[in-house]
Amino acid sequence: MFESIGLIAPAHRRQAGYRCFDGNAIKTLRFIQRARRLGILVRDVAKLLDLWRDCSQRRSQGNGGGA
């Protein structure tokens, strides 16, 4: 489900059909799971992930801002 709506990148599938996620995808899936347990709607989780990814991208480019 999360792959089809763009929350995580499509995972490689093994011959038996099982998904094989990388470390970043696992972190994202855990975040989604925790957020959903707290009652956060999927559309709001998507917004939070967008913010997190934007901040991460800025940090990697050296534009993290900060104090």
C-alpha atoms as a PDB file:
ATOM      1  CA  MET A   1       0.000   0.000   0.000  1.00  0.00           C
ATOM      2  CA  PHE A   2       2.660   2.534   1.009  1.00  0.00           C
ATOM      3  CA  GLU A   3       4.586   1.907  -2.198  1.00  0.00           C
ATOM      4  CA  SER A   4       1.512   2.504  -4.356  1.00  0.00           C
ATOM      5  CA  ILE A   5       0.835   5.914  -2.789  1.00  0.00           C
ATOM      6  CA  GLY A   6       4.475   7.016  -2.866  1.00  0.00           C
ATOM      7  CA  LEU A   7       5.367   6.953   0.832  1.00  0.00           C
ATOM      8  CA  ILE A   8       8.246   4.578   0.121  1.00  0.00           C
ATOM      9  CA  ALA A   9      10.060   3.579  -3.038  1.00  0.00           C
ATOM     10  CA  PRO A  10       9.056   0.252  -4.598  1.00  0.00           C
ATOM     11  CA  ALA A  11      11.079  -2.519  -3.010  1.00  0.00           C
ATOM     12  CA  HIS A  12      13.053  -5.170  -4.813  1.00  0.00           C
ATOM     13  CA  ARG A  13      11.232  -8.495  -4.709  1.00  0.00           C
ATOM     14  CA  ARG A  14      12.917 -11.801  -4.150  1.00  0.00           C
ATOM     15  CA  GLN A  15      12.113 -14.811  -6.275  1.00  0.00           C
ATOM     16  CA  ALA A  16       9.489 -15.968  -3.754  1.00  0.00           C
ATOM     17  CA  GLY A  17       7.793 -12.563  -3.964  1.00  0.00           C
ATOM     18  CA  TYR A  18       8.962 -11.176  -0.631  1.00  0.00           C
ATOM     19  CA  ARG A  19       9.952  -7.511  -0.549  1.00  0.00           C
ATOM     20  CA  CYS A  20      13.551  -6.628   0.274  1.00  0.00           C
ATOM     21  CA  PHE A  21      13.762  -3.138   1.818  1.00  0.00           C
ATOM     22  CA  ASP A  22      16.907  -1.079   2.341  1.00  0.00           C
ATOM     23  CA  GLY A  23      17.748   0.614   5.643  1.00  0.00           C
ATOM     24  CA  ASN A  24      16.098   3.933   4.772  1.00  0.00           C
ATOM     25  CA  ALA A  25      12.865   2.220   3.756  1.00  0.00           C
ATOM     26  CA  ILE A  26      12.818   0.281   7.022  1.00  0.00           C
ATOM     27  CA  LYS A  27      13.243   3.513   9.015  1.00  0.00           C
ATOM     28  CA  THR A  28      10.409   5.083   7.029  1.00  0.00           C
ATOM     29  CA  LEU A  29       8.156   2.055   7.535  1.00  0.00           C
ATOM     30  CA  ARG A  30       8.800   2.150  11.285  1.00  0.00           C
ATOM     31  CA  PHE A  31       7.971   5.853  11.353  1.00  0.00           C
ATOM     32  CA  ILE A  32       4.723   5.203   9.458  1.00  0.00           C
ATOM     33  CA  GLN A  33       3.835   2.377  11.817  1.00  0.00           C
ATOM     34  CA  ARG A  34       4.405   4.530  14.923  1.00  0.00           C
ATOM     35  CA  ALA A  35       2.460   7.430  13.445  1.00  0.00           C
ATOM     36  CA  ARG A  36      -0.479   5.208  12.506  1.00  0.00           C
ATOM     37  CA  ARG A  37      -0.528   3.723  16.025  1.00  0.00           C
ATOM     38  CA  LEU A  38      -0.839   7.273  17.331  1.00  0.00           C
ATOM     39  CA  GLY A  39      -3.870   7.761  15.108  1.00  0.00           C
ATOM     40  CA  ILE A  40      -2.233   9.995  12.502  1.00  0.00           C
ATOM     41  CA  LEU A  41      -3.968   9.719   9.131  1.00  0.00           C
ATOM     42  CA  VAL A  42      -1.966   8.407   6.182  1.00  0.00           C
ATOM     43  CA  ARG A  43      -2.310  11.720   4.327  1.00  0.00           C
ATOM     44  CA  ASP A  44      -0.837  13.521   7.350  1.00  0.00           C
ATOM     45  CA  VAL A  45       1.957  10.955   7.622  1.00  0.00           C
ATOM     46  CA  ALA A  46       2.764  11.756   3.985  1.00  0.00           C
ATOM     47  CA  LYS A  47       3.042  15.458   4.854  1.00  0.00           C
ATOM     48  CA  LEU A  48       5.350  14.702   7.781  1.00  0.00           C
ATOM     49  CA  LEU A  49       7.544  12.520   5.580  1.00  0.00           C
ATOM     50  CA  ASP A  50       7.751  15.301   2.989  1.00  0.00           C
ATOM     51  CA  LEU A  51       8.919  17.728   5.680  1.00  0.00           C
ATOM     52  CA  TRP A  52      11.466  15.239   7.013  1.00  0.00           C
ATOM     53  CA  ARG A  53      12.823  14.514   3.529  1.00  0.00           C
ATOM     54  CA  ASP A  54      13.056  18.234   2.757  1.00  0.00           C
ATOM     55  CA  CYS A  55      14.999  18.883   5.960  1.00  0.00           C
ATOM     56  CA  SER A  56      17.280  15.907   5.300  1.00  0.00           C
ATOM     57  CA  GLN A  57      17.970  17.141   1.786  1.00  0.00           C
ATOM     58  CA  ARG A  58      18.808  20.616   3.034  1.00  0.00           C
ATOM     59  CA  ARG A  59      21.187  19.199   5.641  1.00  0.00           C
ATOM     60  CA  SER A  60      22.954  17.087   3.030  1.00  0.00           C
ATOM     61  CA  GLN A  61      23.376  20.190   0.855  1.00  0.00           C
ATOM     62  CA  GLY A  62      24.766  22.197   3.759  1.00  0.00           C
ATOM     63  CA  ASN A  63      21.695  24.443   3.985  1.00  0.00           C
ATOM     64  CA  GLY A  64      20.384  23.136   7.282  1.00  0.00           C
ATOM     65  CA  GLY A  65      19.979  26.554   8.814  1.00  0.00           C
ATOM     66  CA  GLY A  66      20.046  26.143  12.582  1.00  0.00           C
ATOM     67  CA  ALA A  67      21.184  28.526  15.261  1.00  0.00           C
END
